[in-house]
Amino acid sequence: MKKSIYNILRGTFLVSDDSFKNWRVILFISGLAIVMIASSHNADKKVYEIARLKNEVKEIRSQFVDGRSRLMRLKMESHVVSVMNEKGLSSSETPPQKIKVLTKEKD
């Protein structure tokens, strides 16, 4: 048991005659570790991109709601009347009348 631990610590398993099998395993494990690290970095990039896009969506949605509320205020009759009064126009005293167009029926 002590001898095998000393062989591992000294690295004799890497330079012995049948060390080719050991090197293949070590290279395979190293390759897997590199792939795992690259995959985790890629996943982190995607998480940050998703967070950035969520914040952008929230900002654009708030701009939309703000614009819609300003439009509603501008369309209110009281605001339109005040703007027209500033320009010198006033609302009519007589109410509007409906115009009915009668068509002749052809027999």
PDB file of N, CA and C in Angstrom:
ATOM      1  N   MET A   1       0.833  -1.200   0.000  1.00  0.00           N
ATOM      2  CA  MET A   1       0.000   0.000   0.000  1.00  0.00           C
ATOM      3  C   MET A   1       0.871   1.255   0.000  1.00  0.00           C
ATOM      4  N   LYS A   2       1.894   1.290   0.896  1.00  0.00           N
ATOM      5  CA  LYS A   2       2.789   2.443   0.952  1.00  0.00           C
ATOM      6  C   LYS A   2       3.582   2.581  -0.338  1.00  0.00           C
ATOM      7  N   LYS A   3       3.946   1.454  -0.906  1.00  0.00           N
ATOM      8  CA  LYS A   3       4.752   1.473  -2.116  1.00  0.00           C
ATOM      9  C   LYS A   3       3.973   2.063  -3.289  1.00  0.00           C
ATOM     10  N   SER A   4       2.675   1.736  -3.382  1.00  0.00           N
ATOM     11  CA  SER A   4       1.860   2.275  -4.480  1.00  0.00           C
ATOM     12  C   SER A   4       1.628   3.773  -4.306  1.00  0.00           C
ATOM     13  N   ILE A   5       1.471   4.217  -3.076  1.00  0.00           N
ATOM     14  CA  ILE A   5       1.310   5.660  -2.833  1.00  0.00           C
ATOM     15  C   ILE A   5       2.591   6.395  -3.181  1.00  0.00           C
ATOM     16  N   TYR A   6       3.733   5.854  -2.819  1.00  0.00           N
ATOM     17  CA  TYR A   6       5.018   6.469  -3.164  1.00  0.00           C
ATOM     18  C   TYR A   6       5.222   6.505  -4.678  1.00  0.00           C
ATOM     19  N   ASN A   7       4.793   5.429  -5.372  1.00  0.00           N
ATOM     20  CA  ASN A   7       4.918   5.404  -6.838  1.00  0.00           C
ATOM     21  C   ASN A   7       4.051   6.489  -7.477  1.00  0.00           C
ATOM     22  N   ILE A   8       2.869   6.717  -6.926  1.00  0.00           N
ATOM     23  CA  ILE A   8       1.988   7.767  -7.459  1.00  0.00           C
ATOM     24  C   ILE A   8       2.578   9.144  -7.191  1.00  0.00           C
ATOM     25  N   LEU A   9       3.089   9.351  -5.963  1.00  0.00           N
ATOM     26  CA  LEU A   9       3.658  10.650  -5.621  1.00  0.00           C
ATOM     27  C   LEU A   9       4.920  10.946  -6.425  1.00  0.00           C
ATOM     28  N   ARG A  10       5.739   9.940  -6.679  1.00  0.00           N
ATOM     29  CA  ARG A  10       6.976  10.138  -7.442  1.00  0.00           C
ATOM     30  C   ARG A  10       6.702  10.223  -8.938  1.00  0.00           C
ATOM     31  N   GLY A  11       5.579   9.717  -9.390  1.00  0.00           N
ATOM     32  CA  GLY A  11       5.233   9.771 -10.806  1.00  0.00           C
ATOM     33  C   GLY A  11       5.838   8.644 -11.604  1.00  0.00           C
ATOM     34  N   THR A  12       6.215   7.559 -10.951  1.00  0.00           N
ATOM     35  CA  THR A  12       6.813   6.441 -11.684  1.00  0.00           C
ATOM     36  C   THR A  12       5.800   5.740 -12.574  1.00  0.00           C
ATOM     37  N   PHE A  13       4.502   5.893 -12.279  1.00  0.00           N
ATOM     38  CA  PHE A  13       3.491   5.271 -13.130  1.00  0.00           C
ATOM     39  C   PHE A  13       3.406   5.950 -14.494  1.00  0.00           C
ATOM     40  N   LEU A  14       4.004   7.138 -14.614  1.00  0.00           N
ATOM     41  CA  LEU A  14       3.994   7.855 -15.889  1.00  0.00           C
ATOM     42  C   LEU A  14       5.203   7.525 -16.761  1.00  0.00           C
ATOM     43  N   VAL A  15       6.274   7.008 -16.160  1.00  0.00           N
ATOM     44  CA  VAL A  15       7.499   6.750 -16.927  1.00  0.00           C
ATOM     45  C   VAL A  15       7.824   5.269 -17.013  1.00  0.00           C
ATOM     46  N   SER A  16       7.004   4.421 -16.469  1.00  0.00           N
ATOM     47  CA  SER A  16       7.278   2.985 -16.526  1.00  0.00           C
ATOM     48  C   SER A  16       7.013   2.439 -17.928  1.00  0.00           C
ATOM     49  N   ASP A  17       7.278   1.171 -18.143  1.00  0.00           N
ATOM     50  CA  ASP A  17       7.151   0.566 -19.466  1.00  0.00           C
ATOM     51  C   ASP A  17       5.703   0.536 -19.966  1.00  0.00           C
ATOM     52  N   ASP A  18       4.748   0.287 -19.103  1.00  0.00           N
ATOM     53  CA  ASP A  18       3.341   0.231 -19.519  1.00  0.00           C
ATOM     54  C   ASP A  18       2.590   1.528 -19.219  1.00  0.00           C
ATOM     55  N   SER A  19       3.317   2.627 -19.284  1.00  0.00           N
ATOM     56  CA  SER A  19       2.711   3.924 -18.944  1.00  0.00           C
ATOM     57  C   SER A  19       1.834   4.485 -20.054  1.00  0.00           C
ATOM     58  N   PHE A  20       1.863   3.903 -21.262  1.00  0.00           N
ATOM     59  CA  PHE A  20       1.046   4.419 -22.366  1.00  0.00           C
ATOM     60  C   PHE A  20      -0.436   4.393 -22.020  1.00  0.00           C
ATOM     61  N   LYS A  21      -0.902   3.367 -21.346  1.00  0.00           N
ATOM     62  CA  LYS A  21      -2.302   3.273 -20.926  1.00  0.00           C
ATOM     63  C   LYS A  21      -2.632   4.403 -19.944  1.00  0.00           C
ATOM     64  N   ASN A  22      -1.712   4.670 -19.043  1.00  0.00           N
ATOM     65  CA  ASN A  22      -1.943   5.733 -18.055  1.00  0.00           C
ATOM     66  C   ASN A  22      -2.017   7.106 -18.736  1.00  0.00           C
ATOM     67  N   TRP A  23      -1.140   7.340 -19.708  1.00  0.00           N
ATOM     68  CA  TRP A  23      -1.151   8.632 -20.400  1.00  0.00           C
ATOM     69  C   TRP A  23      -2.445   8.821 -21.200  1.00  0.00           C
ATOM     70  N   ARG A  24      -2.957   7.763 -21.806  1.00  0.00           N
ATOM     71  CA  ARG A  24      -4.214   7.882 -22.546  1.00  0.00           C
ATOM     72  C   ARG A  24      -5.352   8.286 -21.625  1.00  0.00           C
ATOM     73  N   VAL A  25      -5.416   7.680 -20.441  1.00  0.00           N
ATOM     74  CA  VAL A  25      -6.473   8.021 -19.483  1.00  0.00           C
ATOM     75  C   VAL A  25      -6.319   9.455 -19.008  1.00  0.00           C
ATOM     76  N   ILE A  26      -5.102   9.850 -18.722  1.00  0.00           N
ATOM     77  CA  ILE A  26      -4.859  11.223 -18.241  1.00  0.00           C
ATOM     78  C   ILE A  26      -5.238  12.238 -19.318  1.00  0.00           C
ATOM     79  N   LEU A  27      -4.859  11.986 -20.564  1.00  0.00           N
ATOM     80  CA  LEU A  27      -5.211  12.912 -21.649  1.00  0.00           C
ATOM     81  C   LEU A  27      -6.723  12.952 -21.878  1.00  0.00           C
ATOM     82  N   PHE A  28      -7.380  11.801 -21.775  1.00  0.00           N
ATOM     83  CA  PHE A  28      -8.837  11.754 -21.930  1.00  0.00           C
ATOM     84  C   PHE A  28      -9.530  12.557 -20.836  1.00  0.00           C
ATOM     85  N   ILE A  29      -9.098  12.381 -19.609  1.00  0.00           N
ATOM     86  CA  ILE A  29      -9.689  13.133 -18.483  1.00  0.00           C
ATOM     87  C   ILE A  29      -9.415  14.624 -18.628  1.00  0.00           C
ATOM     88  N   SER A  30      -8.205  14.982 -19.084  1.00  0.00           N
ATOM     89  CA  SER A  30      -7.877  16.407 -19.292  1.00  0.00           C
ATOM     90  C   SER A  30      -8.769  17.003 -20.379  1.00  0.00           C
ATOM     91  N   GLY A  31      -8.990  16.256 -21.456  1.00  0.00           N
ATOM     92  CA  GLY A  31      -9.870  16.731 -22.525  1.00  0.00           C
ATOM     93  C   GLY A  31     -11.289  16.940 -22.030  1.00  0.00           C
ATOM     94  N   LEU A  32     -11.778  15.994 -21.230  1.00  0.00           N
ATOM     95  CA  LEU A  32     -13.122  16.145 -20.668  1.00  0.00           C
ATOM     96  C   LEU A  32     -13.208  17.366 -19.754  1.00  0.00           C
ATOM     97  N   ALA A  33     -12.159  17.612 -18.989  1.00  0.00           N
ATOM     98  CA  ALA A  33     -12.155  18.780 -18.101  1.00  0.00           C
ATOM     99  C   ALA A  33     -12.200  20.072 -18.905  1.00  0.00           C
ATOM    100  N   ILE A  34     -11.473  20.127 -20.000  1.00  0.00           N
ATOM    101  CA  ILE A  34     -11.473  21.330 -20.847  1.00  0.00           C
ATOM    102  C   ILE A  34     -12.856  21.547 -21.454  1.00  0.00           C
ATOM    103  N   VAL A  35     -13.471  20.467 -21.927  1.00  0.00           N
ATOM    104  CA  VAL A  35     -14.816  20.585 -22.496  1.00  0.00           C
ATOM    105  C   VAL A  35     -15.805  21.041 -21.429  1.00  0.00           C
ATOM    106  N   MET A  36     -15.684  20.526 -20.218  1.00  0.00           N
ATOM    107  CA  MET A  36     -16.590  20.911 -19.135  1.00  0.00           C
ATOM    108  C   MET A  36     -16.422  22.388 -18.773  1.00  0.00           C
ATOM    109  N   ILE A  37     -15.194  22.849 -18.713  1.00  0.00           N
ATOM    110  CA  ILE A  37     -14.944  24.266 -18.394  1.00  0.00           C
ATOM    111  C   ILE A  37     -15.509  25.165 -19.494  1.00  0.00           C
ATOM    112  N   ALA A  38     -15.284  24.804 -20.748  1.00  0.00           N
ATOM    113  CA  ALA A  38     -15.806  25.610 -21.858  1.00  0.00           C
ATOM    114  C   ALA A  38     -17.334  25.629 -21.836  1.00  0.00           C
ATOM    115  N   SER A  39     -17.938  24.494 -21.526  1.00  0.00           N
ATOM    116  CA  SER A  39     -19.392  24.428 -21.469  1.00  0.00           C
ATOM    117  C   SER A  39     -19.954  25.309 -20.359  1.00  0.00           C
ATOM    118  N   SER A  40     -19.302  25.304 -19.208  1.00  0.00           N
ATOM    119  CA  SER A  40     -19.795  26.143 -18.103  1.00  0.00           C
ATOM    120  C   SER A  40     -19.638  27.630 -18.425  1.00  0.00           C
ATOM    121  N   HIS A  41     -18.548  28.007 -19.110  1.00  0.00           N
ATOM    122  CA  HIS A  41     -18.380  29.411 -19.510  1.00  0.00           C
ATOM    123  C   HIS A  41     -19.462  29.816 -20.511  1.00  0.00           C
ATOM    124  N   ASN A  42     -19.767  28.918 -21.426  1.00  0.00           N
ATOM    125  CA  ASN A  42     -20.812  29.189 -22.408  1.00  0.00           C
ATOM    126  C   ASN A  42     -22.168  29.363 -21.729  1.00  0.00           C
ATOM    127  N   ALA A  43     -22.457  28.517 -20.754  1.00  0.00           N
ATOM    128  CA  ALA A  43     -23.725  28.623 -20.022  1.00  0.00           C
ATOM    129  C   ALA A  43     -23.789  29.938 -19.246  1.00  0.00           C
ATOM    130  N   ASP A  44     -22.679  30.347 -18.641  1.00  0.00           N
ATOM    131  CA  ASP A  44     -22.651  31.615 -17.909  1.00  0.00           C
ATOM    132  C   ASP A  44     -22.919  32.793 -18.839  1.00  0.00           C
ATOM    133  N   LYS A  45     -22.324  32.756 -20.038  1.00  0.00           N
ATOM    134  CA  LYS A  45     -22.570  33.837 -21.006  1.00  0.00           C
ATOM    135  C   LYS A  45     -24.058  33.929 -21.340  1.00  0.00           C
ATOM    136  N   LYS A  46     -24.685  32.776 -21.521  1.00  0.00           N
ATOM    137  CA  LYS A  46     -26.103  32.776 -21.867  1.00  0.00           C
ATOM    138  C   LYS A  46     -26.953  33.291 -20.715  1.00  0.00           C
ATOM    139  N   VAL A  47     -26.589  32.957 -19.490  1.00  0.00           N
ATOM    140  CA  VAL A  47     -27.341  33.447 -18.329  1.00  0.00           C
ATOM    141  C   VAL A  47     -27.237  34.970 -18.248  1.00  0.00           C
ATOM    142  N   TYR A  48     -26.030  35.520 -18.460  1.00  0.00           N
ATOM    143  CA  TYR A  48     -25.863  36.976 -18.417  1.00  0.00           C
ATOM    144  C   TYR A  48     -26.635  37.645 -19.557  1.00  0.00           C
ATOM    145  N   GLU A  49     -26.642  37.030 -20.725  1.00  0.00           N
ATOM    146  CA  GLU A  49     -27.380  37.587 -21.854  1.00  0.00           C
ATOM    147  C   GLU A  49     -28.883  37.589 -21.579  1.00  0.00           C
ATOM    148  N   ILE A  50     -29.387  36.522 -20.985  1.00  0.00           N
ATOM    149  CA  ILE A  50     -30.812  36.455 -20.641  1.00  0.00           C
ATOM    150  C   ILE A  50     -31.167  37.527 -19.626  1.00  0.00           C
ATOM    151  N   ALA A  51     -30.318  37.732 -18.625  1.00  0.00           N
ATOM    152  CA  ALA A  51     -30.579  38.764 -17.613  1.00  0.00           C
ATOM    153  C   ALA A  51     -30.582  40.155 -18.242  1.00  0.00           C
ATOM    154  N   ARG A  52     -29.637  40.393 -19.165  1.00  0.00           N
ATOM    155  CA  ARG A  52     -29.574  41.694 -19.831  1.00  0.00           C
ATOM    156  C   ARG A  52     -30.824  41.924 -20.671  1.00  0.00           C
ATOM    157  N   LEU A  53     -31.260  40.899 -21.382  1.00  0.00           N
ATOM    158  CA  LEU A  53     -32.454  41.041 -22.218  1.00  0.00           C
ATOM    159  C   LEU A  53     -33.714  41.233 -21.377  1.00  0.00           C
ATOM    160  N   LYS A  54     -33.792  40.581 -20.223  1.00  0.00           N
ATOM    161  CA  LYS A  54     -34.949  40.782 -19.344  1.00  0.00           C
ATOM    162  C   LYS A  54     -35.007  42.229 -18.860  1.00  0.00           C
ATOM    163  N   ASN A  55     -33.855  42.785 -18.496  1.00  0.00           N
ATOM    164  CA  ASN A  55     -33.835  44.189 -18.061  1.00  0.00           C
ATOM    165  C   ASN A  55     -34.238  45.112 -19.205  1.00  0.00           C
ATOM    166  N   GLU A  56     -33.781  44.803 -20.413  1.00  0.00           N
ATOM    167  CA  GLU A  56     -34.142  45.627 -21.561  1.00  0.00           C
ATOM    168  C   GLU A  56     -35.637  45.563 -21.842  1.00  0.00           C
ATOM    169  N   VAL A  57     -36.223  44.378 -21.701  1.00  0.00           N
ATOM    170  CA  VAL A  57     -37.667  44.227 -21.907  1.00  0.00           C
ATOM    171  C   VAL A  57     -38.436  45.033 -20.868  1.00  0.00           C
ATOM    172  N   LYS A  58     -37.989  44.994 -19.612  1.00  0.00           N
ATOM    173  CA  LYS A  58     -38.663  45.771 -18.568  1.00  0.00           C
ATOM    174  C   LYS A  58     -38.603  47.267 -18.880  1.00  0.00           C
ATOM    175  N   GLU A  59     -37.442  47.730 -19.349  1.00  0.00           N
ATOM    176  CA  GLU A  59     -37.284  49.150 -19.659  1.00  0.00           C
ATOM    177  C   GLU A  59     -38.182  49.556 -20.828  1.00  0.00           C
ATOM    178  N   ILE A  60     -38.213  48.744 -21.859  1.00  0.00           N
ATOM    179  CA  ILE A  60     -39.043  49.064 -23.028  1.00  0.00           C
ATOM    180  C   ILE A  60     -40.520  49.006 -22.666  1.00  0.00           C
ATOM    181  N   ARG A  61     -40.908  48.055 -21.828  1.00  0.00           N
ATOM    182  CA  ARG A  61     -42.309  47.966 -21.410  1.00  0.00           C
ATOM    183  C   ARG A  61     -42.702  49.204 -20.600  1.00  0.00           C
ATOM    184  N   SER A  62     -41.812  49.688 -19.730  1.00  0.00           N
ATOM    185  CA  SER A  62     -42.137  50.885 -18.955  1.00  0.00           C
ATOM    186  C   SER A  62     -42.233  52.106 -19.860  1.00  0.00           C
ATOM    187  N   GLN A  63     -41.379  52.182 -20.896  1.00  0.00           N
ATOM    188  CA  GLN A  63     -41.489  53.282 -21.853  1.00  0.00           C
ATOM    189  C   GLN A  63     -42.824  53.221 -22.596  1.00  0.00           C
ATOM    190  N   PHE A  64     -43.246  52.017 -22.944  1.00  0.00           N
ATOM    191  CA  PHE A  64     -44.533  51.856 -23.632  1.00  0.00           C
ATOM    192  C   PHE A  64     -45.686  52.310 -22.756  1.00  0.00           C
ATOM    193  N   VAL A  65     -45.678  51.898 -21.494  1.00  0.00           N
ATOM    194  CA  VAL A  65     -46.761  52.276 -20.588  1.00  0.00           C
ATOM    195  C   VAL A  65     -46.768  53.786 -20.376  1.00  0.00           C
ATOM    196  N   ASP A  66     -45.590  54.384 -20.256  1.00  0.00           N
ATOM    197  CA  ASP A  66     -45.492  55.833 -20.079  1.00  0.00           C
ATOM    198  C   ASP A  66     -46.037  56.553 -21.316  1.00  0.00           C
ATOM    199  N   GLY A  67     -45.657  56.098 -22.491  1.00  0.00           N
ATOM    200  CA  GLY A  67     -46.145  56.721 -23.725  1.00  0.00           C
ATOM    201  C   GLY A  67     -47.651  56.574 -23.873  1.00  0.00           C
ATOM    202  N   ARG A  68     -48.166  55.389 -23.516  1.00  0.00           N
ATOM    203  CA  ARG A  68     -49.615  55.175 -23.622  1.00  0.00           C
ATOM    204  C   ARG A  68     -50.372  56.087 -22.654  1.00  0.00           C
ATOM    205  N   SER A  69     -49.843  56.279 -21.437  1.00  0.00           N
ATOM    206  CA  SER A  69     -50.543  57.146 -20.479  1.00  0.00           C
ATOM    207  C   SER A  69     -50.484  58.611 -20.933  1.00  0.00           C
ATOM    208  N   ARG A  70     -49.341  59.024 -21.513  1.00  0.00           N
ATOM    209  CA  ARG A  70     -49.275  60.399 -22.021  1.00  0.00           C
ATOM    210  C   ARG A  70     -50.251  60.601 -23.172  1.00  0.00           C
ATOM    211  N   LEU A  71     -50.371  59.602 -24.032  1.00  0.00           N
ATOM    212  CA  LEU A  71     -51.321  59.692 -25.134  1.00  0.00           C
ATOM    213  C   LEU A  71     -52.753  59.787 -24.629  1.00  0.00           C
ATOM    214  N   MET A  72     -53.086  59.021 -23.606  1.00  0.00           N
ATOM    215  CA  MET A  72     -54.435  59.082 -23.040  1.00  0.00           C
ATOM    216  C   MET A  72     -54.732  60.474 -22.485  1.00  0.00           C
ATOM    217  N   ARG A  73     -53.734  61.092 -21.832  1.00  0.00           N
ATOM    218  CA  ARG A  73     -53.945  62.449 -21.313  1.00  0.00           C
ATOM    219  C   ARG A  73     -54.113  63.447 -22.452  1.00  0.00           C
ATOM    220  N   LEU A  74     -53.343  63.278 -23.531  1.00  0.00           N
ATOM    221  CA  LEU A  74     -53.452  64.211 -24.652  1.00  0.00           C
ATOM    222  C   LEU A  74     -54.787  64.063 -25.386  1.00  0.00           C
ATOM    223  N   LYS A  75     -55.373  62.891 -25.378  1.00  0.00           N
ATOM    224  CA  LYS A  75     -56.638  62.666 -26.076  1.00  0.00           C
ATOM    225  C   LYS A  75     -57.856  63.088 -25.269  1.00  0.00           C
ATOM    226  N   MET A  76     -57.681  63.415 -24.004  1.00  0.00           N
ATOM    227  CA  MET A  76     -58.826  63.798 -23.173  1.00  0.00           C
ATOM    228  C   MET A  76     -59.424  65.099 -23.687  1.00  0.00           C
ATOM    229  N   GLU A  77     -60.744  65.182 -23.616  1.00  0.00           N
ATOM    230  CA  GLU A  77     -61.451  66.347 -24.151  1.00  0.00           C
ATOM    231  C   GLU A  77     -61.033  67.632 -23.443  1.00  0.00           C
ATOM    232  N   SER A  78     -60.816  67.558 -22.140  1.00  0.00           N
ATOM    233  CA  SER A  78     -60.438  68.770 -21.399  1.00  0.00           C
ATOM    234  C   SER A  78     -59.086  69.297 -21.874  1.00  0.00           C
ATOM    235  N   HIS A  79     -58.166  68.431 -22.192  1.00  0.00           N
ATOM    236  CA  HIS A  79     -56.854  68.875 -22.675  1.00  0.00           C
ATOM    237  C   HIS A  79     -56.979  69.465 -24.080  1.00  0.00           C
ATOM    238  N   VAL A  80     -57.779  68.831 -24.921  1.00  0.00           N
ATOM    239  CA  VAL A  80     -57.965  69.339 -26.284  1.00  0.00           C
ATOM    240  C   VAL A  80     -58.617  70.719 -26.240  1.00  0.00           C
ATOM    241  N   VAL A  81     -59.609  70.907 -25.357  1.00  0.00           N
ATOM    242  CA  VAL A  81     -60.287  72.203 -25.242  1.00  0.00           C
ATOM    243  C   VAL A  81     -59.306  73.271 -24.763  1.00  0.00           C
ATOM    244  N   SER A  82     -58.462  72.954 -23.800  1.00  0.00           N
ATOM    245  CA  SER A  82     -57.518  73.958 -23.294  1.00  0.00           C
ATOM    246  C   SER A  82     -56.490  74.332 -24.369  1.00  0.00           C
ATOM    247  N   VAL A  83     -56.031  73.361 -25.148  1.00  0.00           N
ATOM    248  CA  VAL A  83     -55.079  73.668 -26.225  1.00  0.00           C
ATOM    249  C   VAL A  83     -55.738  74.530 -27.289  1.00  0.00           C
ATOM    250  N   MET A  84     -56.984  74.243 -27.627  1.00  0.00           N
ATOM    251  CA  MET A  84     -57.689  75.028 -28.636  1.00  0.00           C
ATOM    252  C   MET A  84     -57.976  76.443 -28.124  1.00  0.00           C
ATOM    253  N   ASN A  85     -58.256  76.580 -26.824  1.00  0.00           N
ATOM    254  CA  ASN A  85     -58.462  77.924 -26.257  1.00  0.00           C
ATOM    255  C   ASN A  85     -57.183  78.740 -26.333  1.00  0.00           C
ATOM    256  N   GLU A  86     -56.027  78.098 -26.149  1.00  0.00           N
ATOM    257  CA  GLU A  86     -54.753  78.818 -26.266  1.00  0.00           C
ATOM    258  C   GLU A  86     -54.527  79.310 -27.685  1.00  0.00           C
ATOM    259  N   LYS A  87     -55.019  78.567 -28.660  1.00  0.00           N
ATOM    260  CA  LYS A  87     -54.840  78.946 -30.059  1.00  0.00           C
ATOM    261  C   LYS A  87     -55.934  79.900 -30.536  1.00  0.00           C
ATOM    262  N   GLY A  88     -56.878  80.221 -29.671  1.00  0.00           N
ATOM    263  CA  GLY A  88     -57.919  81.178 -30.023  1.00  0.00           C
ATOM    264  C   GLY A  88     -59.191  80.535 -30.545  1.00  0.00           C
ATOM    265  N   LEU A  89     -59.301  79.255 -30.486  1.00  0.00           N
ATOM    266  CA  LEU A  89     -60.517  78.568 -30.932  1.00  0.00           C
ATOM    267  C   LEU A  89     -61.333  78.198 -29.711  1.00  0.00           C
ATOM    268  N   SER A  90     -62.647  78.256 -29.869  1.00  0.00           N
ATOM    269  CA  SER A  90     -63.507  77.872 -28.753  1.00  0.00           C
ATOM    270  C   SER A  90     -64.522  76.843 -29.252  1.00  0.00           C
ATOM    271  N   SER A  91     -65.098  76.138 -28.311  1.00  0.00           N
ATOM    272  CA  SER A  91     -66.074  75.119 -28.693  1.00  0.00           C
ATOM    273  C   SER A  91     -67.375  75.789 -29.126  1.00  0.00           C
ATOM    274  N   SER A  92     -68.112  75.116 -29.955  1.00  0.00           N
ATOM    275  CA  SER A  92     -69.343  75.654 -30.523  1.00  0.00           C
ATOM    276  C   SER A  92     -70.445  75.679 -29.464  1.00  0.00           C
ATOM    277  N   GLU A  93     -71.296  76.717 -29.542  1.00  0.00           N
ATOM    278  CA  GLU A  93     -72.408  76.835 -28.616  1.00  0.00           C
ATOM    279  C   GLU A  93     -73.577  75.976 -29.063  1.00  0.00           C
ATOM    280  N   THR A  94     -73.705  75.794 -30.367  1.00  0.00           N
ATOM    281  CA  THR A  94     -74.810  74.974 -30.882  1.00  0.00           C
ATOM    282  C   THR A  94     -74.298  73.552 -31.078  1.00  0.00           C
ATOM    283  N   PRO A  95     -75.101  72.608 -30.671  1.00  0.00           N
ATOM    284  CA  PRO A  95     -74.658  71.220 -30.820  1.00  0.00           C
ATOM    285  C   PRO A  95     -74.668  70.799 -32.289  1.00  0.00           C
ATOM    286  N   PRO A  96     -73.886  69.818 -32.627  1.00  0.00           N
ATOM    287  CA  PRO A  96     -73.864  69.366 -34.022  1.00  0.00           C
ATOM    288  C   PRO A  96     -75.180  68.677 -34.398  1.00  0.00           C
ATOM    289  N   GLN A  97     -75.528  68.724 -35.674  1.00  0.00           N
ATOM    290  CA  GLN A  97     -76.756  68.107 -36.151  1.00  0.00           C
ATOM    291  C   GLN A  97     -76.396  66.973 -37.101  1.00  0.00           C
ATOM    292  N   LYS A  98     -77.240  65.941 -37.078  1.00  0.00           N
ATOM    293  CA  LYS A  98     -77.030  64.824 -37.975  1.00  0.00           C
ATOM    294  C   LYS A  98     -77.580  65.167 -39.344  1.00  0.00           C
ATOM    295  N   ILE A  99     -76.878  64.772 -40.342  1.00  0.00           N
ATOM    296  CA  ILE A  99     -77.361  64.961 -41.715  1.00  0.00           C
ATOM    297  C   ILE A  99     -77.781  63.593 -42.212  1.00  0.00           C
ATOM    298  N   LYS A 100     -79.039  63.492 -42.609  1.00  0.00           N
ATOM    299  CA  LYS A 100     -79.548  62.229 -43.124  1.00  0.00           C
ATOM    300  C   LYS A 100     -79.668  62.345 -44.635  1.00  0.00           C
ATOM    301  N   VAL A 101     -79.142  61.391 -45.319  1.00  0.00           N
ATOM    302  CA  VAL A 101     -79.219  61.348 -46.771  1.00  0.00           C
ATOM    303  C   VAL A 101     -80.243  60.294 -47.140  1.00  0.00           C
ATOM    304  N   LEU A 102     -81.259  60.749 -47.869  1.00  0.00           N
ATOM    305  CA  LEU A 102     -82.294  59.838 -48.302  1.00  0.00           C
ATOM    306  C   LEU A 102     -81.983  59.368 -49.710  1.00  0.00           C
ATOM    307  N   THR A 103     -82.059  58.097 -49.918  1.00  0.00           N
ATOM    308  CA  THR A 103     -81.816  57.567 -51.274  1.00  0.00           C
ATOM    309  C   THR A 103     -83.132  57.099 -51.855  1.00  0.00           C
ATOM    310  N   LYS A 104     -83.270  57.256 -53.133  1.00  0.00           N
ATOM    311  CA  LYS A 104     -84.483  56.825 -53.819  1.00  0.00           C
ATOM    312  C   LYS A 104     -84.329  55.360 -54.153  1.00  0.00           C
ATOM    313  N   GLU A 105     -85.386  54.634 -53.889  1.00  0.00           N
ATOM    314  CA  GLU A 105     -85.372  53.215 -54.218  1.00  0.00           C
ATOM    315  C   GLU A 105     -85.759  53.048 -55.679  1.00  0.00           C
ATOM    316  N   LYS A 106     -85.056  52.206 -56.388  1.00  0.00           N
ATOM    317  CA  LYS A 106     -85.357  51.942 -57.789  1.00  0.00           C
ATOM    318  C   LYS A 106     -86.257  50.723 -57.872  1.00  0.00           C
ATOM    319  N   ASP A 107     -87.338  50.859 -58.624  1.00  0.00           N
ATOM    320  CA  ASP A 107     -88.283  49.734 -58.787  1.00  0.00           C
ATOM    321  C   ASP A 107     -88.047  49.030 -60.092  1.00  0.00           C
TER     322      ASP A 107
END
